[in-house]
Each structure stands twice: as C-alpha cells, then as structure tokens.
Amino acid sequence: MLVKNVKVKSADAESSTTDLASIIEEASAGFQQMSATVETINEDNVQIAQYMDSLAKSSETIRVSFQSA
C-alpha cells in the first residue's frame, strides 16, 4: 500500500511539474512578445520625436519668413 501511495504521489508531482513547466513556458513567450512590443513602441516614439523636431524647425522657418516680409 505504501509503495502504491508513493507511485501515485510521484505521478501527481510529475504531472504538476509538467503543468508548471508549461505555464512558465507560456509566460516566458508572453514576456518576450511584450518586450518586442515595448521595443517597437520605443522605436516609434523616437521617430515621432524626430518628426516633431522637424515640424518645429519648419514652423520656425515659416515664422521667421513672415517676420521678414
């Protein structure tokens, strides 16, 4: 009876370990996807900042040209 209990508990532990490994793998994949998304957002923010800088310079050029006229 004791050996049977040990076998059952061992099988339960193995099943739980397998389930936990699967959950960890899914979480890891989710974190990798989130990291890639954050990286893309950061790249987009840099590009937007460059566009805004260019727009500000163009606006200043236009403002100066109107003041000179």
N, C-alpha and C. Protein backbone atom coordinates (compact mmCIF):
# COMPACT_ATOMS: atom_id res chain seq x y z
N MET A 1 0.82 -1.19 0.00
CA MET A 1 0.00 0.00 0.00
C MET A 1 0.86 1.26 0.00
N LEU A 2 1.92 1.27 0.78
CA LEU A 2 2.81 2.42 0.86
C LEU A 2 3.49 2.69 -0.48
N VAL A 3 3.92 1.62 -1.14
CA VAL A 3 4.57 1.78 -2.45
C VAL A 3 3.59 2.35 -3.46
N LYS A 4 2.35 1.90 -3.40
CA LYS A 4 1.32 2.41 -4.33
C LYS A 4 1.09 3.90 -4.07
N ASN A 5 1.04 4.32 -2.82
CA ASN A 5 0.88 5.74 -2.48
C ASN A 5 2.05 6.57 -3.01
N VAL A 6 3.23 6.04 -2.85
CA VAL A 6 4.42 6.75 -3.34
C VAL A 6 4.36 6.90 -4.85
N LYS A 7 3.93 5.83 -5.54
CA LYS A 7 3.82 5.89 -7.01
C LYS A 7 2.77 6.93 -7.43
N VAL A 8 1.65 6.94 -6.74
CA VAL A 8 0.58 7.89 -7.06
C VAL A 8 1.05 9.32 -6.81
N LYS A 9 1.66 9.54 -5.66
CA LYS A 9 2.15 10.88 -5.33
C LYS A 9 3.24 11.31 -6.30
N SER A 10 4.08 10.37 -6.70
CA SER A 10 5.15 10.67 -7.66
C SER A 10 4.55 11.06 -9.01
N ALA A 11 3.53 10.34 -9.42
CA ALA A 11 2.87 10.65 -10.70
C ALA A 11 2.20 12.02 -10.62
N ASP A 12 1.57 12.30 -9.47
CA ASP A 12 0.94 13.61 -9.28
C ASP A 12 1.98 14.73 -9.34
N ALA A 13 3.11 14.50 -8.68
CA ALA A 13 4.17 15.50 -8.67
C ALA A 13 4.72 15.71 -10.08
N GLU A 14 4.88 14.63 -10.82
CA GLU A 14 5.37 14.74 -12.20
C GLU A 14 4.39 15.51 -13.07
N SER A 15 3.11 15.22 -12.89
CA SER A 15 2.07 15.93 -13.66
C SER A 15 2.06 17.41 -13.31
N SER A 16 2.16 17.71 -12.01
CA SER A 16 2.18 19.11 -11.59
C SER A 16 3.41 19.83 -12.12
N THR A 17 4.55 19.15 -12.11
CA THR A 17 5.78 19.74 -12.63
C THR A 17 5.66 20.01 -14.12
N THR A 18 5.07 19.10 -14.85
CA THR A 18 4.86 19.29 -16.29
C THR A 18 3.93 20.47 -16.55
N ASP A 19 2.85 20.54 -15.76
CA ASP A 19 1.92 21.66 -15.90
C ASP A 19 2.61 22.99 -15.60
N LEU A 20 3.39 23.01 -14.53
CA LEU A 20 4.11 24.23 -14.16
C LEU A 20 5.10 24.64 -15.24
N ALA A 21 5.81 23.66 -15.81
CA ALA A 21 6.76 23.96 -16.88
C ALA A 21 6.04 24.56 -18.08
N SER A 22 4.86 24.06 -18.37
CA SER A 22 4.07 24.59 -19.49
C SER A 22 3.64 26.02 -19.22
N ILE A 23 3.20 26.28 -18.00
CA ILE A 23 2.78 27.64 -17.62
C ILE A 23 3.96 28.60 -17.70
N ILE A 24 5.11 28.16 -17.22
CA ILE A 24 6.31 29.01 -17.26
C ILE A 24 6.71 29.30 -18.70
N GLU A 25 6.62 28.30 -19.55
CA GLU A 25 6.95 28.48 -20.97
C GLU A 25 6.01 29.48 -21.63
N GLU A 26 4.72 29.38 -21.33
CA GLU A 26 3.75 30.32 -21.89
C GLU A 26 4.00 31.74 -21.37
N ALA A 27 4.31 31.86 -20.10
CA ALA A 27 4.60 33.18 -19.52
C ALA A 27 5.85 33.78 -20.15
N SER A 28 6.85 32.96 -20.36
CA SER A 28 8.08 33.42 -20.98
C SER A 28 7.82 33.93 -22.40
N ALA A 29 7.03 33.19 -23.14
CA ALA A 29 6.69 33.62 -24.50
C ALA A 29 5.92 34.94 -24.46
N GLY A 30 5.02 35.07 -23.49
CA GLY A 30 4.28 36.32 -23.35
C GLY A 30 5.18 37.49 -23.02
N PHE A 31 6.15 37.26 -22.13
CA PHE A 31 7.10 38.32 -21.77
C PHE A 31 7.97 38.71 -22.97
N GLN A 32 8.37 37.73 -23.76
CA GLN A 32 9.16 38.03 -24.96
C GLN A 32 8.35 38.86 -25.94
N GLN A 33 7.10 38.52 -26.11
CA GLN A 33 6.23 39.27 -27.02
C GLN A 33 6.02 40.69 -26.49
N MET A 34 5.82 40.82 -25.19
CA MET A 34 5.64 42.14 -24.59
C MET A 34 6.90 42.97 -24.74
N SER A 35 8.05 42.35 -24.56
CA SER A 35 9.32 43.06 -24.71
C SER A 35 9.49 43.57 -26.14
N ALA A 36 9.13 42.74 -27.12
CA ALA A 36 9.22 43.15 -28.51
C ALA A 36 8.26 44.30 -28.80
N THR A 37 7.07 44.25 -28.21
CA THR A 37 6.11 45.33 -28.40
C THR A 37 6.62 46.64 -27.81
N VAL A 38 7.20 46.56 -26.61
CA VAL A 38 7.75 47.76 -25.97
C VAL A 38 8.88 48.33 -26.82
N GLU A 39 9.71 47.46 -27.36
CA GLU A 39 10.81 47.92 -28.22
C GLU A 39 10.28 48.64 -29.45
N THR A 40 9.24 48.10 -30.05
CA THR A 40 8.62 48.73 -31.22
C THR A 40 8.03 50.08 -30.85
N ILE A 41 7.38 50.15 -29.71
CA ILE A 41 6.81 51.43 -29.26
C ILE A 41 7.92 52.46 -29.04
N ASN A 42 9.02 52.03 -28.44
CA ASN A 42 10.15 52.95 -28.23
C ASN A 42 10.70 53.46 -29.55
N GLU A 43 10.83 52.57 -30.53
CA GLU A 43 11.31 52.99 -31.85
C GLU A 43 10.34 53.98 -32.49
N ASP A 44 9.04 53.70 -32.36
CA ASP A 44 8.03 54.61 -32.90
C ASP A 44 8.10 55.97 -32.21
N ASN A 45 8.31 55.97 -30.90
CA ASN A 45 8.42 57.23 -30.16
C ASN A 45 9.62 58.05 -30.62
N VAL A 46 10.73 57.38 -30.90
CA VAL A 46 11.91 58.09 -31.41
C VAL A 46 11.58 58.73 -32.76
N GLN A 47 10.92 57.98 -33.62
CA GLN A 47 10.57 58.51 -34.94
C GLN A 47 9.59 59.68 -34.81
N ILE A 48 8.62 59.56 -33.93
CA ILE A 48 7.68 60.66 -33.71
C ILE A 48 8.41 61.90 -33.20
N ALA A 49 9.34 61.71 -32.29
CA ALA A 49 10.12 62.84 -31.77
C ALA A 49 10.91 63.51 -32.89
N GLN A 50 11.45 62.73 -33.80
CA GLN A 50 12.18 63.29 -34.94
C GLN A 50 11.24 64.08 -35.84
N TYR A 51 10.05 63.54 -36.08
CA TYR A 51 9.06 64.26 -36.89
C TYR A 51 8.66 65.58 -36.22
N MET A 52 8.46 65.53 -34.92
CA MET A 52 8.07 66.74 -34.20
C MET A 52 9.19 67.78 -34.24
N ASP A 53 10.43 67.34 -34.12
CA ASP A 53 11.56 68.26 -34.20
C ASP A 53 11.62 68.91 -35.58
N SER A 54 11.43 68.09 -36.61
CA SER A 54 11.42 68.61 -37.97
C SER A 54 10.28 69.60 -38.18
N LEU A 55 9.11 69.29 -37.63
CA LEU A 55 7.96 70.18 -37.74
C LEU A 55 8.23 71.50 -37.01
N ALA A 56 8.84 71.41 -35.84
CA ALA A 56 9.16 72.63 -35.09
C ALA A 56 10.14 73.50 -35.86
N LYS A 57 11.14 72.89 -36.49
CA LYS A 57 12.10 73.66 -37.28
C LYS A 57 11.43 74.30 -38.49
N SER A 58 10.54 73.55 -39.14
CA SER A 58 9.81 74.10 -40.29
C SER A 58 8.91 75.25 -39.86
N SER A 59 8.25 75.09 -38.73
CA SER A 59 7.39 76.15 -38.21
C SER A 59 8.19 77.40 -37.90
N GLU A 60 9.36 77.21 -37.32
CA GLU A 60 10.22 78.35 -37.00
C GLU A 60 10.69 79.04 -38.28
N THR A 61 11.01 78.28 -39.29
CA THR A 61 11.42 78.86 -40.58
C THR A 61 10.29 79.70 -41.17
N ILE A 62 9.08 79.15 -41.11
CA ILE A 62 7.92 79.89 -41.63
C ILE A 62 7.68 81.16 -40.81
N ARG A 63 7.78 81.05 -39.48
CA ARG A 63 7.58 82.21 -38.63
C ARG A 63 8.60 83.30 -38.95
N VAL A 64 9.86 82.95 -39.11
CA VAL A 64 10.91 83.90 -39.41
C VAL A 64 10.68 84.54 -40.78
N SER A 65 10.23 83.73 -41.75
CA SER A 65 9.99 84.28 -43.10
C SER A 65 8.84 85.30 -43.09
N PHE A 66 7.82 85.06 -42.24
CA PHE A 66 6.72 86.03 -42.15
C PHE A 66 7.16 87.31 -41.44
N GLN A 67 8.04 87.19 -40.48
CA GLN A 67 8.54 88.36 -39.76
C GLN A 67 9.42 89.21 -40.69
N SER A 68 10.11 88.56 -41.61
CA SER A 68 10.99 89.28 -42.53
C SER A 68 10.22 89.99 -43.64
N ALA A 69 9.03 89.50 -43.90
CA ALA A 69 8.24 90.04 -45.02
C ALA A 69 7.59 91.35 -44.70
